[in-house]
Amino acid sequence: MKTTALRAIPILGWLYLAAGLVAALVERAPRNRWLRAVWWIDAFLSVVVHAAQIPVALRATRGTGHSPLKTAVLTQIFGLTWYGDRLGSGRAGATGDGTPTDHREDQR
């Protein structure tokens, strides 16, 4: 239930972005500066921050059987809420005993 609730937040953010874009296209964008500010903040978080998390997600899910494309797409949509629960449960990059690996072992 907690994961579902956390994943709802980025979905609501994407819906808010879509609604704002449609409103702007039909020239009915809100004049309220706070609504516009929230839209731009949401755009930054959804696009820039989620994209910045993709390299971390690719490293975190390496060796788990997830395709890199699937990892990148789901991270862009959900951000840390997609792969973060796998790190906490030890499902991504587990050592076999359920503990997450360092993910930098191959760089040593």
Protein backbone atom coordinates (compact mmCIF):
# COMPACT_ATOMS: atom_id res chain seq x y z
CA MET A 1 0.00 0.00 0.00
CA LYS A 2 2.83 2.41 0.85
CA THR A 3 4.52 1.80 -2.52
CA THR A 4 1.24 2.39 -4.35
CA ALA A 5 0.72 5.66 -2.50
CA LEU A 6 4.28 6.79 -3.25
CA ARG A 7 3.89 5.94 -6.92
CA ALA A 8 0.66 7.92 -7.09
CA ILE A 9 2.57 11.14 -6.39
CA PRO A 10 4.56 11.15 -9.66
CA ILE A 11 1.45 10.09 -11.61
CA LEU A 12 -0.47 13.03 -10.14
CA GLY A 13 2.46 15.26 -11.05
CA TRP A 14 2.44 14.06 -14.67
CA LEU A 15 -1.35 14.57 -14.83
CA TYR A 16 -0.93 18.12 -13.49
CA LEU A 17 1.70 18.80 -16.17
CA ALA A 18 -0.57 17.43 -18.90
CA ALA A 19 -3.54 19.47 -17.67
CA GLY A 20 -1.44 22.62 -17.56
CA LEU A 21 -0.09 22.01 -21.05
CA VAL A 22 -3.60 21.45 -22.45
CA ALA A 23 -4.84 24.59 -20.67
CA ALA A 24 -1.99 26.61 -22.17
CA LEU A 25 -2.63 25.22 -25.66
CA VAL A 26 -6.29 26.25 -25.57
CA GLU A 27 -5.28 29.62 -24.08
CA ARG A 28 -6.93 28.98 -20.71
CA ALA A 29 -3.81 28.80 -18.56
CA PRO A 30 -4.41 29.97 -15.00
CA ARG A 31 -3.40 33.52 -14.20
CA ASN A 32 -2.61 32.65 -10.61
CA ARG A 33 1.16 32.90 -10.25
CA TRP A 34 1.26 30.17 -7.55
CA LEU A 35 -0.39 27.63 -9.85
CA ARG A 36 2.09 28.55 -12.56
CA ALA A 37 5.02 28.29 -10.14
CA VAL A 38 3.86 24.86 -8.97
CA TRP A 39 3.57 23.77 -12.62
CA TRP A 40 7.16 24.83 -13.37
CA ILE A 41 8.46 23.19 -10.19
CA ASP A 42 6.60 20.01 -11.09
CA ALA A 43 8.02 20.14 -14.63
CA PHE A 44 11.55 20.46 -13.27
CA LEU A 45 11.12 17.62 -10.80
CA SER A 46 9.34 15.31 -13.24
CA VAL A 47 11.61 15.88 -16.22
CA VAL A 48 15.03 16.96 -14.97
CA VAL A 49 15.28 15.23 -11.59
CA HIS A 50 13.76 11.95 -12.78
CA ALA A 51 16.10 11.94 -15.78
CA ALA A 52 19.06 12.56 -13.46
CA GLN A 53 18.06 9.45 -11.49
CA ILE A 54 18.29 7.14 -14.53
CA PRO A 55 22.06 6.43 -14.28
CA VAL A 56 21.67 5.56 -10.60
CA ALA A 57 18.71 3.31 -11.37
CA LEU A 58 20.64 1.53 -14.13
CA ARG A 59 23.49 0.81 -11.71
CA ALA A 60 21.10 -0.21 -8.93
CA THR A 61 19.19 -2.68 -11.10
CA ARG A 62 22.22 -4.10 -12.94
CA GLY A 63 22.16 -7.89 -12.83
CA THR A 64 18.52 -8.14 -11.78
CA GLY A 65 17.13 -9.17 -15.14
CA HIS A 66 15.40 -5.84 -15.81
CA SER A 67 16.09 -4.41 -19.24
CA PRO A 68 17.91 -1.07 -19.23
CA LEU A 69 15.12 0.42 -21.38
CA LYS A 70 12.43 -0.66 -18.90
CA THR A 71 14.51 0.69 -16.03
CA ALA A 72 15.00 4.05 -17.77
CA VAL A 73 11.33 4.44 -18.74
CA LEU A 74 9.96 3.47 -15.32
CA THR A 75 12.50 5.71 -13.58
CA GLN A 76 11.52 8.64 -15.81
CA ILE A 77 7.86 8.08 -14.94
CA PHE A 78 8.12 7.15 -11.24
CA GLY A 79 11.59 8.34 -10.22
CA LEU A 80 13.13 6.81 -7.11
CA THR A 81 9.78 5.28 -6.14
CA TRP A 82 10.23 2.66 -8.86
CA TYR A 83 13.66 1.25 -8.07
CA GLY A 84 14.05 2.52 -4.52
CA ASP A 85 11.79 -0.12 -3.02
CA ARG A 86 13.89 -2.80 -4.71
CA LEU A 87 17.03 -1.42 -3.06
CA GLY A 88 15.45 -1.39 0.37
CA SER A 89 14.20 -4.96 0.09
CA GLY A 90 17.43 -6.25 -1.37
CA ARG A 91 15.81 -7.32 -4.61
CA ALA A 92 18.07 -5.15 -6.77
CA GLY A 93 21.69 -6.20 -6.74
CA ALA A 94 21.29 -8.51 -3.81
CA THR A 95 24.26 -10.52 -2.66
CA GLY A 96 22.16 -13.63 -2.22
CA ASP A 97 21.49 -13.12 1.47
CA GLY A 98 19.01 -10.28 0.91
CA THR A 99 21.40 -7.39 1.56
CA PRO A 100 21.98 -4.84 -1.20
CA THR A 101 25.42 -4.66 -2.75
CA ASP A 102 27.57 -1.57 -2.93
CA HIS A 103 27.01 -1.35 -6.74
CA ARG A 104 30.56 -0.03 -7.07
CA GLU A 105 32.35 -3.30 -6.58
CA ASP A 106 33.17 -3.55 -10.28
CA GLN A 107 34.93 -0.15 -10.13
CA ARG A 108 37.42 -1.20 -7.44
